[in-house]
Amino acid sequence: MASDVKVSSKYQVVIPREIREKMGLEKGDELTVDLEGETITMRRRPKSFTEYTEGLHKGVWGDEDADQYLHRMRGEWEPKPGE
């Protein structure tokens, strides 16, 4: 869903009603603004980044338990001289 907006003299933009309603945005909600190349992205700021990122990379280690994976990787480290 794309909409055209205009930057005001105070560098403000109005989020179109249709988008505000679809997102459930209300006065006082906080957004995160990101710039990548020529693209500006606005996202609702999570109330808790911990909850937002919980399980983000679930399954990265396949069927191996994350603790077992870390233990195995640490076992492969070369000991430092004098250890």
N, C-alpha and C. Protein backbone atom coordinates (compact mmCIF):
# COMPACT_ATOMS: atom_id res chain seq x y z
N MET A 1 0.86 -1.17 0.00
CA MET A 1 0.00 0.00 0.00
C MET A 1 0.90 1.22 0.00
N ALA A 2 0.83 2.01 -1.02
CA ALA A 2 1.67 3.20 -1.13
C ALA A 2 0.79 4.45 -1.14
N SER A 3 1.28 5.49 -0.50
CA SER A 3 0.60 6.79 -0.49
C SER A 3 1.64 7.87 -0.64
N ASP A 4 1.24 8.97 -1.26
CA ASP A 4 2.13 10.12 -1.38
C ASP A 4 1.88 11.05 -0.20
N VAL A 5 2.95 11.54 0.39
CA VAL A 5 2.86 12.51 1.48
C VAL A 5 3.80 13.66 1.17
N LYS A 6 3.60 14.77 1.85
CA LYS A 6 4.41 15.96 1.61
C LYS A 6 5.17 16.29 2.89
N VAL A 7 6.43 16.67 2.75
CA VAL A 7 7.24 17.08 3.89
C VAL A 7 6.92 18.55 4.19
N SER A 8 6.57 18.83 5.45
CA SER A 8 6.22 20.21 5.83
C SER A 8 7.47 21.05 6.03
N SER A 9 7.28 22.32 6.30
CA SER A 9 8.41 23.22 6.54
C SER A 9 9.18 22.82 7.81
N LYS A 10 8.52 22.03 8.68
CA LYS A 10 9.20 21.53 9.90
C LYS A 10 9.69 20.09 9.71
N TYR A 11 9.75 19.64 8.45
CA TYR A 11 10.20 18.30 8.09
C TYR A 11 9.31 17.22 8.69
N GLN A 12 8.03 17.49 8.81
CA GLN A 12 7.07 16.53 9.31
C GLN A 12 6.27 15.96 8.16
N VAL A 13 5.79 14.72 8.33
CA VAL A 13 4.89 14.11 7.36
C VAL A 13 3.67 13.59 8.11
N VAL A 14 2.54 13.53 7.43
CA VAL A 14 1.31 12.99 8.01
C VAL A 14 1.14 11.59 7.47
N ILE A 15 0.95 10.62 8.37
CA ILE A 15 0.69 9.25 7.94
C ILE A 15 -0.77 9.19 7.51
N PRO A 16 -1.04 8.77 6.29
CA PRO A 16 -2.41 8.74 5.80
C PRO A 16 -3.34 7.91 6.70
N ARG A 17 -4.59 8.38 6.80
CA ARG A 17 -5.59 7.76 7.68
C ARG A 17 -5.71 6.26 7.43
N GLU A 18 -5.78 5.85 6.17
CA GLU A 18 -5.95 4.44 5.84
C GLU A 18 -4.83 3.59 6.45
N ILE A 19 -3.61 4.10 6.37
CA ILE A 19 -2.47 3.38 6.92
C ILE A 19 -2.52 3.40 8.45
N ARG A 20 -2.84 4.57 9.05
CA ARG A 20 -2.95 4.65 10.52
C ARG A 20 -3.97 3.65 11.04
N GLU A 21 -5.12 3.59 10.37
CA GLU A 21 -6.18 2.68 10.82
C GLU A 21 -5.78 1.22 10.66
N LYS A 22 -5.16 0.91 9.52
CA LYS A 22 -4.74 -0.47 9.28
C LYS A 22 -3.69 -0.91 10.29
N MET A 23 -2.79 0.01 10.67
CA MET A 23 -1.74 -0.29 11.65
C MET A 23 -2.24 -0.18 13.08
N GLY A 24 -3.39 0.45 13.27
CA GLY A 24 -3.90 0.67 14.62
C GLY A 24 -3.09 1.70 15.38
N LEU A 25 -2.51 2.66 14.66
CA LEU A 25 -1.70 3.70 15.29
C LEU A 25 -2.59 4.69 16.03
N GLU A 26 -2.10 5.13 17.18
CA GLU A 26 -2.81 6.14 17.96
C GLU A 26 -1.84 7.25 18.33
N LYS A 27 -2.39 8.37 18.76
CA LYS A 27 -1.55 9.49 19.19
C LYS A 27 -0.60 9.01 20.27
N GLY A 28 0.65 9.41 20.17
CA GLY A 28 1.65 9.04 21.17
C GLY A 28 2.40 7.76 20.86
N ASP A 29 1.92 6.96 19.90
CA ASP A 29 2.66 5.76 19.53
C ASP A 29 4.02 6.16 18.97
N GLU A 30 5.01 5.34 19.22
CA GLU A 30 6.36 5.63 18.74
C GLU A 30 6.69 4.75 17.55
N LEU A 31 7.39 5.34 16.58
CA LEU A 31 7.81 4.63 15.39
C LEU A 31 9.33 4.66 15.31
N THR A 32 9.88 3.65 14.66
CA THR A 32 11.31 3.60 14.37
C THR A 32 11.46 3.92 12.90
N VAL A 33 12.35 4.87 12.58
CA VAL A 33 12.57 5.28 11.20
C VAL A 33 13.95 4.80 10.77
N ASP A 34 14.00 4.14 9.60
CA ASP A 34 15.25 3.57 9.12
C ASP A 34 15.49 4.06 7.69
N LEU A 35 16.75 4.24 7.35
CA LEU A 35 17.13 4.66 6.01
C LEU A 35 18.05 3.61 5.40
N GLU A 36 17.69 3.13 4.21
CA GLU A 36 18.53 2.18 3.49
C GLU A 36 18.56 2.64 2.03
N GLY A 37 19.68 3.21 1.64
CA GLY A 37 19.78 3.77 0.30
C GLY A 37 18.83 4.95 0.16
N GLU A 38 17.91 4.87 -0.78
CA GLU A 38 16.93 5.93 -1.00
C GLU A 38 15.58 5.60 -0.37
N THR A 39 15.53 4.56 0.47
CA THR A 39 14.27 4.09 1.04
C THR A 39 14.20 4.43 2.52
N ILE A 40 13.11 5.10 2.92
CA ILE A 40 12.83 5.39 4.32
C ILE A 40 11.74 4.43 4.77
N THR A 41 11.99 3.72 5.87
CA THR A 41 11.02 2.78 6.40
C THR A 41 10.61 3.21 7.80
N MET A 42 9.32 3.18 8.06
CA MET A 42 8.81 3.49 9.40
C MET A 42 8.12 2.24 9.94
N ARG A 43 8.48 1.87 11.17
CA ARG A 43 7.87 0.71 11.82
C ARG A 43 7.41 1.11 13.21
N ARG A 44 6.39 0.42 13.69
CA ARG A 44 5.96 0.64 15.07
C ARG A 44 7.12 0.21 15.97
N ARG A 45 7.47 1.05 16.93
CA ARG A 45 8.54 0.73 17.87
C ARG A 45 8.01 -0.28 18.87
N PRO A 46 8.66 -1.43 18.98
CA PRO A 46 8.19 -2.45 19.93
C PRO A 46 8.23 -1.92 21.36
N LYS A 47 7.25 -2.31 22.16
CA LYS A 47 7.23 -1.90 23.56
C LYS A 47 8.39 -2.59 24.30
N SER A 48 8.75 -3.80 23.85
CA SER A 48 9.85 -4.54 24.46
C SER A 48 10.68 -5.17 23.35
N PHE A 49 11.93 -4.74 23.21
CA PHE A 49 12.79 -5.33 22.19
C PHE A 49 13.11 -6.78 22.53
N THR A 50 13.09 -7.13 23.81
CA THR A 50 13.34 -8.51 24.21
C THR A 50 12.25 -9.41 23.66
N GLU A 51 10.99 -9.02 23.86
CA GLU A 51 9.88 -9.82 23.33
C GLU A 51 9.88 -9.80 21.80
N TYR A 52 10.23 -8.66 21.21
CA TYR A 52 10.24 -8.51 19.75
C TYR A 52 11.25 -9.45 19.10
N THR A 53 12.41 -9.64 19.73
CA THR A 53 13.46 -10.47 19.14
C THR A 53 13.46 -11.90 19.66
N GLU A 54 12.59 -12.22 20.60
CA GLU A 54 12.54 -13.56 21.17
C GLU A 54 12.28 -14.59 20.07
N GLY A 55 13.14 -15.60 20.00
CA GLY A 55 12.99 -16.65 19.01
C GLY A 55 13.35 -16.24 17.59
N LEU A 56 14.01 -15.11 17.42
CA LEU A 56 14.31 -14.58 16.10
C LEU A 56 15.07 -15.58 15.22
N HIS A 57 16.07 -16.22 15.78
CA HIS A 57 16.86 -17.16 14.99
C HIS A 57 16.64 -18.60 15.47
N LYS A 58 15.41 -18.87 15.83
CA LYS A 58 15.05 -20.21 16.27
C LYS A 58 15.34 -21.19 15.14
N GLY A 59 16.01 -22.25 15.45
CA GLY A 59 16.30 -23.25 14.44
C GLY A 59 17.58 -23.04 13.67
N VAL A 60 18.36 -22.02 14.01
CA VAL A 60 19.62 -21.77 13.31
C VAL A 60 20.54 -22.98 13.41
N TRP A 61 20.52 -23.65 14.51
CA TRP A 61 21.41 -24.78 14.74
C TRP A 61 20.77 -26.10 14.29
N GLY A 62 19.70 -26.04 13.53
CA GLY A 62 19.05 -27.27 13.08
C GLY A 62 18.41 -27.98 14.25
N ASP A 63 18.64 -29.27 14.32
CA ASP A 63 18.05 -30.08 15.40
C ASP A 63 18.91 -30.07 16.65
N GLU A 64 20.10 -29.47 16.58
CA GLU A 64 21.01 -29.47 17.72
C GLU A 64 20.60 -28.41 18.74
N ASP A 65 20.62 -28.77 20.00
CA ASP A 65 20.32 -27.85 21.08
C ASP A 65 21.37 -26.74 21.11
N ALA A 66 20.95 -25.50 21.30
CA ALA A 66 21.86 -24.35 21.28
C ALA A 66 22.98 -24.50 22.30
N ASP A 67 22.66 -24.96 23.51
CA ASP A 67 23.69 -25.14 24.55
C ASP A 67 24.71 -26.20 24.12
N GLN A 68 24.23 -27.29 23.53
CA GLN A 68 25.14 -28.34 23.06
C GLN A 68 26.03 -27.81 21.94
N TYR A 69 25.46 -27.02 21.05
CA TYR A 69 26.22 -26.43 19.95
C TYR A 69 27.35 -25.55 20.50
N LEU A 70 27.01 -24.66 21.45
CA LEU A 70 28.03 -23.78 22.04
C LEU A 70 29.12 -24.58 22.73
N HIS A 71 28.73 -25.62 23.47
CA HIS A 71 29.72 -26.46 24.16
C HIS A 71 30.66 -27.11 23.14
N ARG A 72 30.10 -27.62 22.04
CA ARG A 72 30.91 -28.25 21.00
C ARG A 72 31.86 -27.23 20.35
N MET A 73 31.35 -26.04 20.05
CA MET A 73 32.18 -25.00 19.43
C MET A 73 33.32 -24.57 20.36
N ARG A 74 33.02 -24.41 21.63
CA ARG A 74 34.06 -24.02 22.59
C ARG A 74 35.13 -25.10 22.70
N GLY A 75 34.74 -26.36 22.55
CA GLY A 75 35.69 -27.46 22.58
C GLY A 75 36.63 -27.46 21.39
N GLU A 76 36.20 -26.83 20.28
CA GLU A 76 37.02 -26.78 19.08
C GLU A 76 38.00 -25.60 19.09
N TRP A 77 37.85 -24.69 20.04
CA TRP A 77 38.76 -23.54 20.09
C TRP A 77 40.16 -24.04 20.39
N GLU A 78 41.11 -23.40 19.73
CA GLU A 78 42.51 -23.74 20.00
C GLU A 78 42.94 -23.07 21.30
N PRO A 79 43.60 -23.83 22.16
CA PRO A 79 44.03 -23.20 23.42
C PRO A 79 45.12 -22.15 23.15
N LYS A 80 45.10 -21.13 23.95
CA LYS A 80 46.11 -20.07 23.84
C LYS A 80 47.42 -20.60 24.42
N PRO A 81 48.55 -20.09 23.93
CA PRO A 81 49.84 -20.53 24.48
C PRO A 81 49.87 -20.37 25.99
N GLY A 82 50.35 -21.40 26.67
CA GLY A 82 50.46 -21.35 28.13
C GLY A 82 49.24 -21.90 28.83
N GLU A 83 48.21 -22.34 28.07
CA GLU A 83 47.02 -22.91 28.71
C GLU A 83 47.15 -24.39 28.83
